[in-house]
């Protein structure tokens, strides 16, 4: 489950080694990006608008549509 993976990574942030910390941060970024894409896909599938999704993410409608719309998130379905 994603939450378990993120929790394990978040605990790994408590390290004094900066290189290990950077590696954990990079992995957290990848995991969060994947989780965000899944959530956006689910929101769109359930009928939420790009405006609603953008508001939830705290970004503009144009930014979320550019990242996930058109040829982005639903590429395989086109």
C-alpha atoms as a PDB file:
ATOM      1  CA  UNK A   1       0.000   0.000   0.000  1.00  0.00           C
ATOM      2  CA  UNK A   2       1.218   3.504  -0.848  1.00  0.00           C
ATOM      3  CA  UNK A   3       0.693   4.878   2.650  1.00  0.00           C
ATOM      4  CA  UNK A   4       2.885   2.184   4.171  1.00  0.00           C
ATOM      5  CA  UNK A   5       5.673   2.868   1.673  1.00  0.00           C
ATOM      6  CA  UNK A   6       5.494   6.602   2.300  1.00  0.00           C
ATOM      7  CA  UNK A   7       5.495   6.084   6.078  1.00  0.00           C
ATOM      8  CA  UNK A   8       8.635   3.943   5.864  1.00  0.00           C
ATOM      9  CA  UNK A   9      10.355   6.535   3.689  1.00  0.00           C
ATOM     10  CA  UNK A  10       9.265   9.375   5.976  1.00  0.00           C
ATOM     11  CA  UNK A  11      10.835   7.608   8.951  1.00  0.00           C
ATOM     12  CA  UNK A  12      14.058   7.206   6.974  1.00  0.00           C
ATOM     13  CA  UNK A  13      14.324  11.015   6.828  1.00  0.00           C
ATOM     14  CA  UNK A  14      15.687  10.901  10.377  1.00  0.00           C
ATOM     15  CA  UNK A  15      19.273  10.344   9.319  1.00  0.00           C
ATOM     16  CA  UNK A  16      22.408  12.357   9.898  1.00  0.00           C
ATOM     17  CA  UNK A  17      23.934  11.286   6.581  1.00  0.00           C
ATOM     18  CA  UNK A  18      23.092  13.948   3.972  1.00  0.00           C
ATOM     19  CA  UNK A  19      23.600  11.586   1.011  1.00  0.00           C
ATOM     20  CA  UNK A  20      21.202   9.038   2.495  1.00  0.00           C
ATOM     21  CA  UNK A  21      18.755  11.837   3.220  1.00  0.00           C
ATOM     22  CA  UNK A  22      18.921  13.055  -0.382  1.00  0.00           C
ATOM     23  CA  UNK A  23      18.259   9.529  -1.645  1.00  0.00           C
ATOM     24  CA  UNK A  24      15.224   9.219   0.633  1.00  0.00           C
ATOM     25  CA  UNK A  25      13.918  12.616  -0.501  1.00  0.00           C
ATOM     26  CA  UNK A  26      14.274  11.600  -4.159  1.00  0.00           C
ATOM     27  CA  UNK A  27      12.384   8.364  -3.520  1.00  0.00           C
ATOM     28  CA  UNK A  28       9.659  10.248  -1.628  1.00  0.00           C
ATOM     29  CA  UNK A  29       9.295  12.632  -4.583  1.00  0.00           C
ATOM     30  CA  UNK A  30       8.882   9.736  -7.012  1.00  0.00           C
ATOM     31  CA  UNK A  31       6.357   8.004  -4.780  1.00  0.00           C
ATOM     32  CA  UNK A  32       4.365  11.198  -4.200  1.00  0.00           C
ATOM     33  CA  UNK A  33       4.313  11.988  -7.936  1.00  0.00           C
ATOM     34  CA  UNK A  34       3.002   8.504  -8.658  1.00  0.00           C
ATOM     35  CA  UNK A  35       0.387   8.798  -5.922  1.00  0.00           C
ATOM     36  CA  UNK A  36      -0.678  12.225  -7.213  1.00  0.00           C
ATOM     37  CA  UNK A  37      -1.131  10.858 -10.736  1.00  0.00           C
ATOM     38  CA  UNK A  38      -3.284   8.010  -9.419  1.00  0.00           C
ATOM     39  CA  UNK A  39      -5.433  10.447  -7.422  1.00  0.00           C
ATOM     40  CA  UNK A  40      -5.875  12.756 -10.420  1.00  0.00           C
ATOM     41  CA  UNK A  41      -6.879   9.824 -12.622  1.00  0.00           C
ATOM     42  CA  UNK A  42      -9.407   8.662 -10.016  1.00  0.00           C
ATOM     43  CA  UNK A  43     -10.797  12.182  -9.637  1.00  0.00           C
ATOM     44  CA  UNK A  44     -11.249  12.558 -13.403  1.00  0.00           C
ATOM     45  CA  UNK A  45     -12.780   9.086 -13.693  1.00  0.00           C
ATOM     46  CA  UNK A  46     -15.264  10.019 -10.963  1.00  0.00           C
ATOM     47  CA  UNK A  47     -16.242  13.168 -12.847  1.00  0.00           C
ATOM     48  CA  UNK A  48     -14.304  15.876 -11.035  1.00  0.00           C
ATOM     49  CA  UNK A  49     -13.373  18.902 -13.124  1.00  0.00           C
ATOM     50  CA  UNK A  50      -9.853  20.144 -13.792  1.00  0.00           C
ATOM     51  CA  UNK A  51     -10.789  23.228 -11.761  1.00  0.00           C
ATOM     52  CA  UNK A  52     -11.657  21.109  -8.708  1.00  0.00           C
ATOM     53  CA  UNK A  53      -8.488  19.052  -9.045  1.00  0.00           C
ATOM     54  CA  UNK A  54      -6.354  22.174  -9.458  1.00  0.00           C
ATOM     55  CA  UNK A  55      -7.886  23.738  -6.353  1.00  0.00           C
ATOM     56  CA  UNK A  56      -7.173  20.606  -4.319  1.00  0.00           C
ATOM     57  CA  UNK A  57      -3.549  20.642  -5.491  1.00  0.00           C
ATOM     58  CA  UNK A  58      -3.166  24.384  -4.952  1.00  0.00           C
ATOM     59  CA  UNK A  59      -2.172  25.065  -8.564  1.00  0.00           C
ATOM     60  CA  UNK A  60      -3.853  26.604 -11.591  1.00  0.00           C
ATOM     61  CA  UNK A  61      -6.283  24.732 -13.804  1.00  0.00           C
ATOM     62  CA  UNK A  62      -3.896  25.291 -16.703  1.00  0.00           C
ATOM     63  CA  UNK A  63      -0.980  23.765 -14.795  1.00  0.00           C
ATOM     64  CA  UNK A  64      -2.859  20.630 -13.800  1.00  0.00           C
ATOM     65  CA  UNK A  65      -4.312  20.214 -17.280  1.00  0.00           C
ATOM     66  CA  UNK A  66      -0.887  20.671 -18.855  1.00  0.00           C
ATOM     67  CA  UNK A  67       0.603  18.024 -16.574  1.00  0.00           C
ATOM     68  CA  UNK A  68      -2.203  15.462 -16.671  1.00  0.00           C
ATOM     69  CA  UNK A  69      -4.634  16.411 -19.411  1.00  0.00           C
ATOM     70  CA  UNK A  70      -4.631  15.777 -23.105  1.00  0.00           C
ATOM     71  CA  UNK A  71      -1.675  13.619 -23.970  1.00  0.00           C
ATOM     72  CA  UNK A  72      -0.568  13.293 -20.332  1.00  0.00           C
ATOM     73  CA  UNK A  73      -2.567  11.187 -17.908  1.00  0.00           C
ATOM     74  CA  UNK A  74      -5.020   9.608 -20.332  1.00  0.00           C
ATOM     75  CA  UNK A  75      -2.613   9.017 -23.202  1.00  0.00           C
ATOM     76  CA  UNK A  76      -3.415   5.295 -23.540  1.00  0.00           C
ATOM     77  CA  UNK A  77      -7.130   6.000 -23.876  1.00  0.00           C
ATOM     78  CA  UNK A  78      -6.796   8.358 -26.857  1.00  0.00           C
END
